[in-house]
Protein backbone atom coordinates (compact mmCIF):
# COMPACT_ATOMS: atom_id res chain seq x y z
CA UNK A 1 151.57 167.77 203.89
CA UNK A 2 151.31 171.49 204.82
CA UNK A 3 147.90 171.50 206.79
CA UNK A 4 148.55 168.47 208.84
CA UNK A 5 152.37 167.81 209.15
CA UNK A 6 154.00 171.22 208.99
CA UNK A 7 155.88 170.29 206.05
CA UNK A 8 157.96 173.42 205.15
CA UNK A 9 159.28 172.48 201.59
CA UNK A 10 157.59 173.07 198.15
CA UNK A 11 154.80 171.06 196.88
CA UNK A 12 153.82 170.64 193.46
CA UNK A 13 150.84 169.16 192.24
CA UNK A 14 150.53 167.38 188.81
CA UNK A 15 147.10 167.34 187.47
CA UNK A 16 146.66 164.28 184.86
CA UNK A 17 143.09 164.38 183.93
CA UNK A 18 140.15 166.63 183.05
CA UNK A 19 138.81 166.80 186.50
CA UNK A 20 134.85 168.60 185.42
CA UNK A 21 134.78 165.80 183.00
CA UNK A 22 135.82 162.87 184.93
CA UNK A 23 133.67 163.67 187.82
CA UNK A 24 130.65 164.01 185.63
CA UNK A 25 130.15 160.12 185.54
CA UNK A 26 130.11 159.58 189.53
CA UNK A 27 127.18 160.23 192.18
CA UNK A 28 126.68 163.85 193.18
CA UNK A 29 128.00 163.09 196.78
CA UNK A 30 131.47 162.05 194.88
CA UNK A 31 131.36 164.98 193.05
CA UNK A 32 130.88 167.58 195.86
CA UNK A 33 133.60 165.76 197.82
CA UNK A 34 136.20 165.25 195.03
CA UNK A 35 135.75 169.22 194.12
CA UNK A 36 136.05 170.29 197.76
CA UNK A 37 139.21 167.64 197.68
CA UNK A 38 140.92 169.34 194.66
CA UNK A 39 140.10 173.22 195.73
CA UNK A 40 141.15 172.49 199.59
CA UNK A 41 144.56 170.84 198.35
CA UNK A 42 145.48 172.31 195.39
CA UNK A 43 145.30 175.84 196.53
CA UNK A 44 147.86 175.00 199.42
CA UNK A 45 150.30 174.05 196.63
CA UNK A 46 153.27 176.08 195.62
CA UNK A 47 152.47 175.14 192.01
CA UNK A 48 150.47 172.96 189.96
CA UNK A 49 151.41 171.55 186.72
CA UNK A 50 148.61 170.81 183.88
CA UNK A 51 149.41 168.67 180.96
CA UNK A 52 147.06 170.60 178.68
CA UNK A 53 145.53 174.44 178.41
CA UNK A 54 141.91 172.44 178.39
CA UNK A 55 142.83 171.06 182.08
CA UNK A 56 144.51 174.69 183.31
CA UNK A 57 141.11 176.29 182.39
CA UNK A 58 138.93 173.80 184.23
CA UNK A 59 140.91 174.29 187.42
CA UNK A 60 141.09 178.13 187.16
CA UNK A 61 137.47 178.18 186.29
CA UNK A 62 135.53 175.63 187.78
CA UNK A 63 137.83 175.05 190.89
CA UNK A 64 138.93 178.45 191.49
CA UNK A 65 142.45 177.55 191.84
CA UNK A 66 144.62 180.54 192.67
CA UNK A 67 147.91 178.70 193.02
CA UNK A 68 149.89 179.64 189.60
CA UNK A 69 149.04 176.70 186.95
CA UNK A 70 151.84 176.02 184.39
CA UNK A 71 150.98 174.07 181.29
CA UNK A 72 153.69 171.36 180.36
CA UNK A 73 152.62 168.56 177.88
CA UNK A 74 153.37 165.06 178.20
CA UNK A 75 157.11 163.64 177.09
CA UNK A 76 157.64 160.72 174.99
CA UNK A 77 160.68 158.97 174.38
CA UNK A 78 161.22 159.04 170.96
CA UNK A 79 164.61 157.08 171.13
CA UNK A 80 162.73 153.98 172.59
CA UNK A 81 160.19 154.15 170.34
CA UNK A 82 162.48 154.23 167.22
CA UNK A 83 164.63 151.32 168.33
CA UNK A 84 161.25 149.35 169.04
CA UNK A 85 159.23 149.72 165.98
CA UNK A 86 161.31 147.02 163.91
CA UNK A 87 160.61 144.21 166.16
CA UNK A 88 158.45 141.86 164.75
CA UNK A 89 154.72 141.14 166.22
CA UNK A 90 153.05 138.17 166.58
CA UNK A 91 150.14 139.22 164.61
CA UNK A 92 150.61 138.72 160.57
CA UNK A 93 149.04 141.85 158.37
CA UNK A 94 147.39 141.14 155.59
CA UNK A 95 148.50 143.05 152.51
CA UNK A 96 145.23 143.36 151.24
CA UNK A 97 143.59 144.46 154.28
CA UNK A 98 143.40 148.36 155.72
CA UNK A 99 144.35 148.00 159.61
CA UNK A 100 142.89 150.45 162.21
CA UNK A 101 144.72 150.05 165.41
CA UNK A 102 144.07 151.14 169.04
CA UNK A 103 146.14 150.92 172.21
CA UNK A 104 144.82 151.50 175.37
CA UNK A 105 143.71 150.20 179.03
CA UNK A 106 140.04 148.43 178.71
CA UNK A 107 138.50 150.96 181.13
CA UNK A 108 134.89 152.46 180.96
CA UNK A 109 136.39 156.10 179.96
CA UNK A 110 138.39 154.69 177.03
CA UNK A 111 135.28 153.76 175.27
CA UNK A 112 136.33 150.43 173.43
CA UNK A 113 132.49 149.61 172.81
CA UNK A 114 132.24 153.13 170.76
CA UNK A 115 135.27 151.77 168.68
CA UNK A 116 133.94 148.30 168.18
CA UNK A 117 130.40 149.70 167.05
CA UNK A 118 131.90 152.17 164.63
CA UNK A 119 134.10 149.10 163.19
CA UNK A 120 130.92 147.34 162.86
CA UNK A 121 129.26 149.78 160.25
CA UNK A 122 132.81 149.41 158.17
CA UNK A 123 132.47 145.34 158.51
CA UNK A 124 131.94 144.71 154.64
CA UNK A 125 134.96 146.84 153.57
CA UNK A 126 138.55 145.25 153.44
CA UNK A 127 139.60 146.42 157.03
CA UNK A 128 140.73 144.77 160.21
CA UNK A 129 141.05 146.29 163.86
CA UNK A 130 143.86 145.63 166.32
CA UNK A 131 143.21 146.11 169.56
CA UNK A 132 146.57 146.51 172.04
CA UNK A 133 145.86 146.35 175.62
CA UNK A 134 144.06 144.53 178.70
CA UNK A 135 141.83 145.47 181.78
CA UNK A 136 138.94 144.61 183.39
CA UNK A 137 136.15 145.10 180.66
CA UNK A 138 138.15 142.57 178.53
CA UNK A 139 135.65 140.09 178.80
CA UNK A 140 132.62 142.30 177.81
CA UNK A 141 134.62 143.50 174.80
CA UNK A 142 135.40 140.30 173.52
CA UNK A 143 131.94 139.16 174.08
CA UNK A 144 130.50 142.22 172.22
CA UNK A 145 133.05 141.48 169.30
CA UNK A 146 131.60 137.88 169.16
CA UNK A 147 127.73 138.88 169.47
CA UNK A 148 128.39 141.15 166.37
CA UNK A 149 130.24 138.49 164.37
CA UNK A 150 133.49 140.52 163.99
CA UNK A 151 135.88 137.61 165.36
CA UNK A 152 137.55 137.55 162.00
CA UNK A 153 137.82 141.12 161.45
CA UNK A 154 138.99 142.35 164.86
CA UNK A 155 141.88 141.16 166.86
CA UNK A 156 142.80 140.99 170.75
CA UNK A 157 146.37 141.50 170.79
CA UNK A 158 146.88 141.65 174.67
CA UNK A 159 148.81 143.99 176.66
CA UNK A 160 152.50 144.58 175.28
CA UNK A 161 155.09 146.52 176.50
CA UNK A 162 156.09 147.35 172.90
CA UNK A 163 152.81 148.42 171.13
CA UNK A 164 154.90 150.27 168.65
CA UNK A 165 155.48 147.19 166.46
CA UNK A 166 151.84 146.78 165.72
CA UNK A 167 150.99 150.68 165.43
CA UNK A 168 153.94 151.36 162.90
CA UNK A 169 152.83 148.64 160.72
CA UNK A 170 148.95 149.67 160.72
CA UNK A 171 147.36 152.16 158.49
CA UNK A 172 145.71 154.43 161.17
CA UNK A 173 145.53 154.63 164.74
CA UNK A 174 142.23 155.41 166.44
CA UNK A 175 141.41 156.83 169.83
CA UNK A 176 137.59 156.59 171.21
CA UNK A 177 138.01 158.08 174.75
CA UNK A 178 135.43 160.09 176.72
CA UNK A 179 137.96 161.72 178.45
CA UNK A 180 141.79 162.37 178.50
CA UNK A 181 144.40 164.55 180.12
CA UNK A 182 146.96 164.57 177.40
CA UNK A 183 146.74 161.23 175.57
CA UNK A 184 150.51 159.85 174.93
CA UNK A 185 148.93 157.19 172.79
CA UNK A 186 147.92 159.64 170.10
CA UNK A 187 151.67 161.12 169.94
CA UNK A 188 153.22 157.63 169.97
CA UNK A 189 150.76 157.07 166.96
CA UNK A 190 152.26 160.27 164.82
CA UNK A 191 155.60 159.14 166.10
CA UNK A 192 155.38 155.71 164.62
CA UNK A 193 154.33 157.59 161.33
CA UNK A 194 150.54 156.84 160.71
CA UNK A 195 147.71 159.04 160.35
CA UNK A 196 145.18 159.43 163.84
CA UNK A 197 141.78 159.59 164.56
CA UNK A 198 140.56 160.85 167.79
CA UNK A 199 137.11 162.01 169.75
CA UNK A 200 137.45 165.58 170.39
CA UNK A 201 137.17 164.74 173.98
CA UNK A 202 138.49 167.00 177.29
CA UNK A 203 141.24 167.28 177.40
CA UNK A 204 144.33 167.02 174.84
CA UNK A 205 143.29 165.43 171.60
CA UNK A 206 142.40 169.00 170.09
CA UNK A 207 145.41 170.50 171.18
CA UNK A 208 147.74 168.05 169.61
CA UNK A 209 145.81 167.44 166.35
CA UNK A 210 144.30 170.94 165.86
CA UNK A 211 146.45 173.45 167.95
CA UNK A 212 145.75 176.38 165.45
CA UNK A 213 141.72 176.42 166.48
CA UNK A 214 139.75 177.36 169.40
CA UNK A 215 140.66 175.02 172.26
CA UNK A 216 137.03 175.60 173.62
CA UNK A 217 135.85 174.45 170.45
CA UNK A 218 134.24 170.80 170.11
CA UNK A 219 133.35 168.94 167.16
CA UNK A 220 129.63 168.28 166.97
CA UNK A 221 127.71 166.39 164.60
CA UNK A 222 130.35 165.23 162.06
CA UNK A 223 134.10 164.62 161.85
CA UNK A 224 136.49 167.62 161.80
CA UNK A 225 139.68 167.40 159.70
CA UNK A 226 142.42 169.04 161.88
CA UNK A 227 146.19 169.89 160.80
CA UNK A 228 147.52 166.72 162.39
CA UNK A 229 144.63 164.26 162.56
CA UNK A 230 140.78 163.90 162.55
CA UNK A 231 138.61 164.78 165.55
CA UNK A 232 135.01 163.25 165.99
CA UNK A 233 132.53 164.24 168.39
CA UNK A 234 132.71 162.12 171.48
CA UNK A 235 130.36 158.84 171.98
CA UNK A 236 129.15 159.31 168.31
CA UNK A 237 129.05 156.02 166.55
CA UNK A 238 128.07 157.60 163.25
CA UNK A 239 130.65 160.22 163.26
CA UNK A 240 133.55 158.00 164.19
CA UNK A 241 132.88 155.29 161.61
CA UNK A 242 132.37 158.24 159.07
CA UNK A 243 136.17 159.24 160.03
CA UNK A 244 137.55 156.02 160.05
CA UNK A 245 135.93 155.47 156.19
CA UNK A 246 137.04 158.84 155.26
CA UNK A 247 140.75 157.67 156.13
CA UNK A 248 140.26 154.45 154.35
CA UNK A 249 139.20 155.83 151.26
CA UNK A 250 141.18 159.33 151.05
CA UNK A 251 144.99 158.39 150.22
CA UNK A 252 145.83 161.92 149.54
CA UNK A 253 144.53 162.55 153.22
CA UNK A 254 146.60 160.14 154.57
CA UNK A 255 149.70 160.86 153.05
CA UNK A 256 149.52 164.20 153.94
CA UNK A 257 148.93 163.28 157.71
CA UNK A 258 152.04 161.08 157.45
CA UNK A 259 154.34 163.56 156.16
CA UNK A 260 153.32 165.69 159.28
CA UNK A 261 153.41 163.07 161.84
CA UNK A 262 157.09 162.58 162.93
CA UNK A 263 157.63 166.16 162.86
CA UNK A 264 154.51 166.90 165.19
CA UNK A 265 155.84 164.18 167.52
CA UNK A 266 159.18 165.64 167.86
CA UNK A 267 157.63 168.80 169.67
CA UNK A 268 157.03 166.24 172.53
CA UNK A 269 160.20 164.33 172.65
CA UNK A 270 161.58 164.06 176.35
CA UNK A 271 164.21 166.43 175.38
CA UNK A 272 162.24 169.26 174.31
CA UNK A 273 159.62 168.67 177.17
CA UNK A 274 162.18 168.94 180.14
CA UNK A 275 163.31 172.37 179.45
CA UNK A 276 159.98 173.34 180.80
CA UNK A 277 160.05 171.42 183.68
CA UNK A 278 163.70 173.12 184.48
CA UNK A 279 162.18 176.58 184.17
CA UNK A 280 159.14 175.76 186.32
CA UNK A 281 161.13 174.14 189.44
CA UNK A 282 163.72 177.31 189.13
CA UNK A 283 160.74 179.44 189.42
CA UNK A 284 159.70 178.43 193.29
């Protein structure tokens, strides 16, 4: 807009993913071109908004962005969530089972295969897994569940505009992603008042679940109990299964997380976050 069309107004770039991690899954040519485009365009912006501090660091250190980069976390609509949790889902929850739940698009970076493989390790426990969402990998995931003999333990609930009716009735939310920007589903899980487990991927989960820790640190080899949830190494089946088993077995830990969940979610309500946009825009 500025370089070729002579646009004279302000341009604000909004980065929603951790570029370095996302680009690693592509070819060398793609990574080189993508990095060039980020560096070429972002330096011409008047302001860059990132939704995590890990993302801010990535842009400044790895892409040499000199444009001011402000961090503004993703907002959620708490009022909407609170007014939709009471809707009755089609799925009938078994009172004698512990229910894990995941919400997200069926894309490679969400790594639902990791979640299914970790759940397989727990298959002999009285646990079930609900997966809410849809996407290009749906057939592959369902075939995997069938191949592993988990049809009676894992339920695909399909895409639903109101996933909160499933989440609020579950016992633990699990995010198994390889990469994120700032995962709203974790905040929404907290807003529904349930404990959460997440891979310690770049970026977002650590800032959300263990904000007092070194944000450059990553969980390795084993799970890590944070202030607001459990973090596990990326793409580590054993560690994720161990974290899920810990959450299933430790009622005291679950209750501790539940007591903190709603308060943590309130910090990301749209009425709280919008003030930071006002400050950022007024500074242009």
